[in-house]
């Protein structure tokens, strides 16, 4: 009777350990996936930061100021003729 009780007890403990290990592995897999997604987001944000830093440097350039004045403010140099093609 005692041997049977020990075997049942060991089987129950074994099943518990197995279930716990499976659940922990699932959690580890999820954490790993989350880590990869966050690393990708960090890289994207670093790229955006780099682009913004480059744009910040360009904002103070004369070429950027001239281009912005032409495109957004419709400003041109004196005596500069602008032709607009009305096309069909």
N, C-alpha and C. Protein backbone atom coordinates (compact mmCIF):
# COMPACT_ATOMS: atom_id res chain seq x y z
N UNK A 1 0.82 -1.18 0.00
CA UNK A 1 0.00 0.00 0.00
C UNK A 1 0.87 1.25 0.00
N UNK A 2 1.95 1.22 0.80
CA UNK A 2 2.82 2.38 0.88
C UNK A 2 3.54 2.60 -0.45
N UNK A 3 3.95 1.51 -1.11
CA UNK A 3 4.65 1.65 -2.39
C UNK A 3 3.73 2.26 -3.43
N UNK A 4 2.51 1.87 -3.46
CA UNK A 4 1.54 2.40 -4.41
C UNK A 4 1.30 3.88 -4.12
N UNK A 5 1.19 4.23 -2.85
CA UNK A 5 0.97 5.62 -2.46
C UNK A 5 2.17 6.48 -2.85
N UNK A 6 3.38 5.94 -2.66
CA UNK A 6 4.59 6.67 -3.05
C UNK A 6 4.62 6.88 -4.56
N UNK A 7 4.28 5.85 -5.33
CA UNK A 7 4.28 5.96 -6.79
C UNK A 7 3.28 7.02 -7.26
N UNK A 8 2.09 7.02 -6.69
CA UNK A 8 1.06 7.99 -7.05
C UNK A 8 1.54 9.40 -6.71
N UNK A 9 2.13 9.52 -5.52
CA UNK A 9 2.65 10.81 -5.08
C UNK A 9 3.75 11.30 -6.03
N UNK A 10 4.67 10.43 -6.41
CA UNK A 10 5.75 10.80 -7.33
C UNK A 10 5.21 11.16 -8.71
N UNK A 11 4.20 10.45 -9.16
CA UNK A 11 3.59 10.76 -10.45
C UNK A 11 2.93 12.13 -10.41
N UNK A 12 2.23 12.43 -9.33
CA UNK A 12 1.58 13.74 -9.18
C UNK A 12 2.63 14.85 -9.17
N UNK A 13 3.71 14.64 -8.42
CA UNK A 13 4.78 15.64 -8.38
C UNK A 13 5.42 15.79 -9.76
N UNK A 14 5.63 14.68 -10.45
CA UNK A 14 6.21 14.73 -11.80
C UNK A 14 5.32 15.51 -12.76
N UNK A 15 4.02 15.27 -12.70
CA UNK A 15 3.08 15.98 -13.57
C UNK A 15 3.09 17.47 -13.23
N UNK A 16 3.12 17.79 -11.94
CA UNK A 16 3.15 19.20 -11.52
C UNK A 16 4.42 19.89 -12.05
N UNK A 17 5.55 19.23 -11.90
CA UNK A 17 6.82 19.79 -12.37
C UNK A 17 6.77 19.98 -13.89
N UNK A 18 6.25 19.01 -14.60
CA UNK A 18 6.16 19.09 -16.06
C UNK A 18 5.27 20.25 -16.50
N UNK A 19 4.12 20.39 -15.87
CA UNK A 19 3.21 21.49 -16.20
C UNK A 19 3.86 22.84 -15.89
N UNK A 20 4.56 22.93 -14.77
CA UNK A 20 5.24 24.16 -14.39
C UNK A 20 6.32 24.52 -15.41
N UNK A 21 7.09 23.55 -15.84
CA UNK A 21 8.14 23.79 -16.83
C UNK A 21 7.56 24.25 -18.17
N UNK A 22 6.47 23.63 -18.57
CA UNK A 22 5.83 24.02 -19.83
C UNK A 22 5.33 25.46 -19.75
N UNK A 23 4.69 25.81 -18.64
CA UNK A 23 4.18 27.18 -18.47
C UNK A 23 5.33 28.19 -18.44
N UNK A 24 6.42 27.84 -17.78
CA UNK A 24 7.56 28.74 -17.73
C UNK A 24 8.18 28.91 -19.12
N UNK A 25 8.23 27.86 -19.90
CA UNK A 25 8.78 27.95 -21.25
C UNK A 25 7.91 28.84 -22.12
N UNK A 26 6.60 28.72 -21.98
CA UNK A 26 5.69 29.60 -22.73
C UNK A 26 5.93 31.06 -22.35
N UNK A 27 6.09 31.32 -21.06
CA UNK A 27 6.33 32.69 -20.60
C UNK A 27 7.66 33.21 -21.14
N UNK A 28 8.69 32.38 -21.12
CA UNK A 28 10.00 32.78 -21.65
C UNK A 28 9.92 33.09 -23.14
N UNK A 29 9.18 32.28 -23.87
CA UNK A 29 9.01 32.53 -25.30
C UNK A 29 8.32 33.86 -25.55
N UNK A 30 7.30 34.16 -24.77
CA UNK A 30 6.58 35.43 -24.90
C UNK A 30 7.50 36.60 -24.56
N UNK A 31 8.29 36.47 -23.50
CA UNK A 31 9.22 37.53 -23.14
C UNK A 31 10.26 37.75 -24.23
N UNK A 32 10.71 36.68 -24.83
CA UNK A 32 11.68 36.79 -25.91
C UNK A 32 11.08 37.51 -27.12
N UNK A 33 9.85 37.17 -27.43
CA UNK A 33 9.16 37.83 -28.54
C UNK A 33 8.98 39.32 -28.25
N UNK A 34 8.57 39.64 -27.02
CA UNK A 34 8.40 41.04 -26.63
C UNK A 34 9.72 41.79 -26.71
N UNK A 35 10.80 41.13 -26.30
CA UNK A 35 12.13 41.76 -26.35
C UNK A 35 12.51 42.09 -27.79
N UNK A 36 12.25 41.19 -28.71
CA UNK A 36 12.57 41.44 -30.12
C UNK A 36 11.74 42.60 -30.67
N UNK A 37 10.46 42.63 -30.33
CA UNK A 37 9.60 43.71 -30.81
C UNK A 37 10.06 45.05 -30.26
N UNK A 38 10.43 45.08 -28.99
CA UNK A 38 10.90 46.32 -28.38
C UNK A 38 12.24 46.76 -28.98
N UNK A 39 13.10 45.80 -29.28
CA UNK A 39 14.39 46.14 -29.91
C UNK A 39 14.16 46.75 -31.29
N UNK A 40 13.18 46.22 -32.03
CA UNK A 40 12.85 46.79 -33.34
C UNK A 40 12.30 48.20 -33.19
N UNK A 41 11.44 48.41 -32.19
CA UNK A 41 10.89 49.74 -31.96
C UNK A 41 11.98 50.73 -31.57
N UNK A 42 12.93 50.28 -30.77
CA UNK A 42 14.04 51.15 -30.38
C UNK A 42 14.85 51.54 -31.61
N UNK A 43 15.11 50.57 -32.49
CA UNK A 43 15.87 50.85 -33.71
C UNK A 43 15.12 51.84 -34.59
N UNK A 44 13.81 51.67 -34.72
CA UNK A 44 13.01 52.60 -35.53
C UNK A 44 13.07 54.00 -34.95
N UNK A 45 12.97 54.11 -33.63
CA UNK A 45 13.02 55.42 -33.00
C UNK A 45 14.41 56.05 -33.14
N UNK A 46 15.46 55.23 -33.10
CA UNK A 46 16.81 55.74 -33.31
C UNK A 46 16.96 56.28 -34.73
N UNK A 47 16.37 55.58 -35.70
CA UNK A 47 16.42 56.04 -37.09
C UNK A 47 15.68 57.37 -37.25
N UNK A 48 14.52 57.47 -36.62
CA UNK A 48 13.74 58.71 -36.68
C UNK A 48 14.52 59.84 -36.02
N UNK A 49 15.14 59.54 -34.91
CA UNK A 49 15.94 60.54 -34.20
C UNK A 49 17.07 61.04 -35.09
N UNK A 50 17.73 60.12 -35.79
CA UNK A 50 18.83 60.49 -36.70
C UNK A 50 18.31 61.37 -37.83
N UNK A 51 17.17 61.00 -38.41
CA UNK A 51 16.59 61.79 -39.50
C UNK A 51 16.24 63.19 -39.02
N UNK A 52 15.67 63.29 -37.82
CA UNK A 52 15.31 64.59 -37.28
C UNK A 52 16.55 65.44 -36.99
N UNK A 53 17.62 64.81 -36.53
CA UNK A 53 18.86 65.54 -36.27
C UNK A 53 19.42 66.10 -37.58
N UNK A 54 19.37 65.29 -38.64
CA UNK A 54 19.84 65.75 -39.94
C UNK A 54 18.95 66.88 -40.46
N UNK A 55 17.65 66.75 -40.27
CA UNK A 55 16.73 67.79 -40.71
C UNK A 55 16.95 69.07 -39.93
N UNK A 56 17.24 68.94 -38.65
CA UNK A 56 17.52 70.11 -37.81
C UNK A 56 18.72 70.86 -38.35
N UNK A 57 19.76 70.13 -38.76
CA UNK A 57 20.93 70.78 -39.33
C UNK A 57 20.60 71.47 -40.65
N UNK A 58 19.72 70.86 -41.44
CA UNK A 58 19.35 71.41 -42.75
C UNK A 58 18.47 72.65 -42.63
N UNK A 59 17.71 72.77 -41.56
CA UNK A 59 16.78 73.88 -41.41
C UNK A 59 17.51 75.22 -41.44
N UNK A 60 18.70 75.27 -40.94
CA UNK A 60 19.45 76.52 -40.88
C UNK A 60 20.22 76.81 -42.16
N UNK A 61 20.17 75.92 -43.14
CA UNK A 61 20.91 76.15 -44.37
C UNK A 61 20.13 77.09 -45.28
N UNK A 62 20.85 77.85 -46.08
CA UNK A 62 20.22 78.80 -47.00
C UNK A 62 19.39 78.08 -48.06
N UNK A 63 19.85 76.93 -48.50
CA UNK A 63 19.10 76.17 -49.51
C UNK A 63 17.72 75.78 -48.97
N UNK A 64 17.66 75.31 -47.75
CA UNK A 64 16.38 74.91 -47.16
C UNK A 64 15.46 76.12 -47.00
N UNK A 65 16.02 77.23 -46.54
CA UNK A 65 15.21 78.44 -46.37
C UNK A 65 14.66 78.90 -47.71
N UNK A 66 15.50 78.89 -48.73
CA UNK A 66 15.04 79.30 -50.07
C UNK A 66 13.97 78.36 -50.59
N UNK A 67 14.19 77.08 -50.46
CA UNK A 67 13.22 76.09 -50.95
C UNK A 67 11.88 76.24 -50.22
N UNK A 68 11.92 76.43 -48.93
CA UNK A 68 10.70 76.61 -48.15
C UNK A 68 9.97 77.88 -48.57
N UNK A 69 10.71 78.96 -48.77
CA UNK A 69 10.10 80.22 -49.20
C UNK A 69 9.43 80.06 -50.56
N UNK A 70 10.06 79.32 -51.45
CA UNK A 70 9.49 79.12 -52.78
C UNK A 70 8.24 78.23 -52.74
N UNK A 71 8.35 77.11 -52.04
CA UNK A 71 7.28 76.11 -52.08
C UNK A 71 6.09 76.47 -51.20
N UNK A 72 6.35 76.96 -50.02
CA UNK A 72 5.25 77.16 -49.07
C UNK A 72 4.75 78.60 -49.01
N UNK A 73 5.63 79.54 -49.34
CA UNK A 73 5.24 80.94 -49.22
C UNK A 73 5.11 81.63 -50.58
N UNK A 74 5.36 80.90 -51.65
CA UNK A 74 5.31 81.45 -53.01
C UNK A 74 6.13 82.72 -53.13
N UNK A 75 7.30 82.71 -52.55
CA UNK A 75 8.20 83.86 -52.65
C UNK A 75 9.27 83.56 -53.70
N UNK A 76 9.66 84.61 -54.44
CA UNK A 76 10.66 84.46 -55.49
C UNK A 76 11.57 85.68 -55.46
N UNK A 77 12.71 85.56 -56.13
CA UNK A 77 13.63 86.68 -56.25
C UNK A 77 13.00 87.78 -57.10
N UNK A 78 13.38 89.04 -56.89
CA UNK A 78 12.88 90.13 -57.73
C UNK A 78 13.26 89.90 -59.19
N UNK A 79 12.36 90.24 -60.09
CA UNK A 79 12.56 90.11 -61.53
C UNK A 79 12.70 88.65 -61.98
N UNK A 80 12.32 87.70 -61.15
CA UNK A 80 12.36 86.29 -61.54
C UNK A 80 11.00 85.96 -62.16
N UNK A 81 11.03 85.42 -63.35
CA UNK A 81 9.78 85.10 -64.05
C UNK A 81 9.43 83.64 -63.79
N UNK A 82 8.21 83.43 -63.38
CA UNK A 82 7.71 82.09 -63.11
C UNK A 82 6.61 81.78 -64.10
N UNK A 83 6.77 80.69 -64.81
CA UNK A 83 5.78 80.25 -65.76
C UNK A 83 5.09 79.00 -65.23
N UNK A 84 3.79 79.04 -65.28
CA UNK A 84 3.01 77.88 -64.81
C UNK A 84 2.33 77.26 -66.02
N UNK A 85 2.60 76.02 -66.25
CA UNK A 85 2.01 75.28 -67.36
C UNK A 85 0.59 74.89 -67.00
N UNK A 86 -0.38 75.39 -67.73
CA UNK A 86 -1.77 75.10 -67.44
C UNK A 86 -2.20 73.75 -68.01
N UNK A 87 -1.42 73.17 -68.93
CA UNK A 87 -1.67 71.83 -69.46
C UNK A 87 -3.12 71.52 -69.73
N UNK A 88 -3.34 70.41 -70.33
CA UNK A 88 -4.71 70.00 -70.64
C UNK A 88 -5.24 69.12 -69.61
